[in-house]
Amino acid sequence: MRRAAIILALAVSATGCETMRYEPSKATRAYPFGTPQERIANVQVFNDGDAMLIVNPTAEGWTDIDVWLNQRYMKHVTRLDAGQTLRIPLGDFWDVRGEGPFPGGLLRYYPPTPIRLVQIEVAPGKPLVGLLAIPTEQELEATRIDAEPM
């Protein structure tokens, strides 16, 4: 019994010691802060637990794009077709230092990274295209101001 408790404690402490997702070999380029955002496409982005769900109900599609999350993390996507729904695990996004956002999940160390700002870059130097990030119910509830009279 004591041995099982020690093994369990070691397993929990080993998973809890990871403070950030860090893999230098996955480092991407830096976010293009000097590039303006041209417009906002009518493409919705949802938090799907440990993934980002991109719903493109438009007649517009893109190929070989970089999807930027919160002006930090990037994932290269080969196609986002018209009418397509694309699911990208948050674990596939990386930043310039090789750090990644925190996906959701039961054994996570930090709260999941919120999906606040999502943009696509069709080519280096071209204006960015913004997408519509839809907050989760928990995020909306956290920012709710109760309208009770004083």
Protein backbone atom coordinates (compact mmCIF):
# COMPACT_ATOMS: atom_id res chain seq x y z
CA MET A 1 0.00 0.00 0.00
CA ARG A 2 2.79 2.38 0.94
CA ARG A 3 4.66 1.57 -2.30
CA ALA A 4 1.54 2.38 -4.38
CA ALA A 5 1.20 5.74 -2.62
CA ILE A 6 4.86 6.59 -3.32
CA ILE A 7 4.52 5.64 -7.01
CA LEU A 8 1.37 7.74 -7.30
CA ALA A 9 3.06 10.72 -5.61
CA LEU A 10 6.05 10.45 -7.95
CA ALA A 11 3.80 10.26 -11.02
CA VAL A 12 1.79 13.30 -9.95
CA SER A 13 4.88 15.32 -9.09
CA ALA A 14 6.53 14.44 -12.41
CA THR A 15 3.55 15.68 -14.42
CA GLY A 16 3.09 18.75 -12.23
CA CYS A 17 6.67 19.95 -12.63
CA GLU A 18 6.25 21.00 -16.24
CA THR A 19 5.61 24.73 -16.04
CA MET A 20 5.49 25.49 -19.76
CA ARG A 21 5.36 23.77 -23.10
CA TYR A 22 8.89 24.24 -24.39
CA GLU A 23 10.46 22.55 -27.38
CA PRO A 24 13.17 24.69 -29.04
CA SER A 25 13.17 22.58 -32.20
CA LYS A 26 9.55 23.67 -32.85
CA ALA A 27 10.34 27.41 -32.75
CA THR A 28 8.70 29.48 -35.48
CA ARG A 29 9.32 32.97 -36.72
CA ALA A 30 8.21 36.03 -34.78
CA TYR A 31 4.76 37.54 -35.18
CA PRO A 32 4.80 40.23 -37.94
CA PHE A 33 3.95 43.27 -35.80
CA GLY A 34 4.78 45.64 -38.68
CA THR A 35 2.17 44.06 -40.96
CA PRO A 36 -1.30 45.66 -40.81
CA GLN A 37 -4.55 43.74 -40.62
CA GLU A 38 -6.44 44.40 -43.85
CA ARG A 39 -9.91 43.17 -42.91
CA ILE A 40 -11.93 40.71 -40.87
CA ALA A 41 -13.26 37.66 -42.71
CA ASN A 42 -16.58 36.15 -41.69
CA VAL A 43 -14.78 33.03 -40.44
CA GLN A 44 -15.52 31.94 -36.88
CA VAL A 45 -13.02 30.42 -34.47
CA PHE A 46 -14.10 28.42 -31.42
CA ASN A 47 -12.25 26.88 -28.49
CA ASP A 48 -12.89 23.14 -28.75
CA GLY A 49 -11.25 22.02 -25.51
CA ASP A 50 -7.67 21.22 -26.48
CA ALA A 51 -8.11 22.49 -30.05
CA MET A 52 -9.09 25.46 -32.17
CA LEU A 53 -12.08 24.96 -34.44
CA ILE A 54 -12.13 27.20 -37.53
CA VAL A 55 -15.47 27.35 -39.34
CA ASN A 56 -15.30 28.94 -42.80
CA PRO A 57 -18.87 29.42 -44.10
CA THR A 58 -17.68 31.82 -46.81
CA ALA A 59 -17.01 31.24 -50.50
CA GLU A 60 -13.38 32.28 -49.92
CA GLY A 61 -10.55 29.83 -49.37
CA TRP A 62 -6.81 30.07 -48.76
CA THR A 63 -3.78 27.87 -49.36
CA ASP A 64 -0.38 27.82 -47.62
CA ILE A 65 -1.30 30.18 -44.80
CA ASP A 66 0.08 30.82 -41.35
CA VAL A 67 -2.55 30.94 -38.61
CA TRP A 68 -1.54 33.29 -35.78
CA LEU A 69 -2.98 32.92 -32.26
CA ASN A 70 -2.89 35.88 -29.85
CA GLN A 71 -0.07 37.59 -31.79
CA ARG A 72 2.36 34.97 -30.54
CA TYR A 73 1.77 31.38 -31.62
CA MET A 74 1.80 30.18 -35.23
CA LYS A 75 0.73 27.07 -37.13
CA HIS A 76 1.22 26.61 -40.88
CA VAL A 77 -1.89 25.28 -42.62
CA THR A 78 -1.81 23.99 -46.19
CA ARG A 79 -5.51 24.63 -46.96
CA LEU A 80 -8.56 26.36 -45.55
CA ASP A 81 -11.20 25.79 -48.19
CA ALA A 82 -14.52 27.55 -48.65
CA GLY A 83 -17.14 25.84 -46.50
CA GLN A 84 -14.52 23.87 -44.56
CA THR A 85 -14.40 23.29 -40.82
CA LEU A 86 -10.81 22.81 -39.64
CA ARG A 87 -9.78 21.49 -36.23
CA ILE A 88 -6.23 22.36 -35.15
CA PRO A 89 -4.92 20.99 -31.83
CA LEU A 90 -3.53 23.82 -29.68
CA GLY A 91 -0.47 21.60 -29.20
CA ASP A 92 0.42 22.28 -32.84
CA PHE A 93 0.99 26.02 -32.24
CA TRP A 94 4.47 27.31 -31.35
CA ASP A 95 6.14 30.69 -30.88
CA VAL A 96 9.54 32.14 -31.76
CA ARG A 97 11.13 30.65 -28.59
CA GLY A 98 9.69 27.16 -29.03
CA GLU A 99 6.99 27.66 -26.41
CA GLY A 100 3.41 26.61 -26.98
CA PRO A 101 0.01 27.64 -25.63
CA PHE A 102 -1.53 25.64 -22.81
CA PRO A 103 -4.23 23.33 -24.15
CA GLY A 104 -7.13 22.28 -21.96
CA GLY A 105 -7.33 18.91 -20.32
CA LEU A 106 -7.74 17.19 -16.99
CA LEU A 107 -4.06 17.08 -15.94
CA ARG A 108 -3.08 20.59 -17.00
CA TYR A 109 -0.75 22.70 -14.87
CA TYR A 110 -2.07 26.11 -16.00
CA PRO A 111 -5.49 27.27 -17.22
CA PRO A 112 -5.87 26.82 -20.98
CA THR A 113 -4.68 29.64 -23.22
CA PRO A 114 -7.75 31.63 -24.31
CA ILE A 115 -8.37 32.11 -28.01
CA ARG A 116 -8.61 35.90 -28.20
CA LEU A 117 -7.13 37.04 -31.52
CA VAL A 118 -6.79 34.82 -34.58
CA GLN A 119 -5.35 36.06 -37.86
CA ILE A 120 -4.15 34.45 -41.04
CA GLU A 121 -1.14 35.50 -43.06
CA VAL A 122 -1.50 34.57 -46.71
CA ALA A 123 2.11 35.50 -47.57
CA PRO A 124 4.99 37.28 -45.82
CA GLY A 125 4.55 41.05 -46.07
CA LYS A 126 0.90 40.80 -47.19
CA PRO A 127 -1.77 42.30 -44.89
CA LEU A 128 -3.21 39.95 -42.30
CA VAL A 129 -6.82 38.76 -42.35
CA GLY A 130 -8.61 38.69 -39.01
CA LEU A 131 -10.98 35.92 -38.01
CA LEU A 132 -13.89 36.11 -35.53
CA ALA A 133 -12.82 34.54 -32.22
CA ILE A 134 -15.93 33.44 -30.30
CA PRO A 135 -15.42 33.36 -26.50
CA THR A 136 -16.47 30.33 -24.46
CA GLU A 137 -19.35 30.51 -22.00
CA GLN A 138 -16.85 30.39 -19.11
CA GLU A 139 -14.94 33.37 -20.54
CA LEU A 140 -18.17 35.33 -20.97
CA GLU A 141 -19.29 34.48 -17.45
CA ALA A 142 -15.94 35.60 -16.02
CA THR A 143 -16.33 39.05 -17.61
CA ARG A 144 -20.04 39.46 -16.80
CA ILE A 145 -21.06 42.53 -14.85
CA ASP A 146 -24.19 41.91 -12.83
CA ALA A 147 -26.78 44.61 -13.39
CA GLU A 148 -28.23 44.59 -9.87
CA PRO A 149 -29.18 48.05 -8.67
CA MET A 150 -27.25 49.33 -5.67
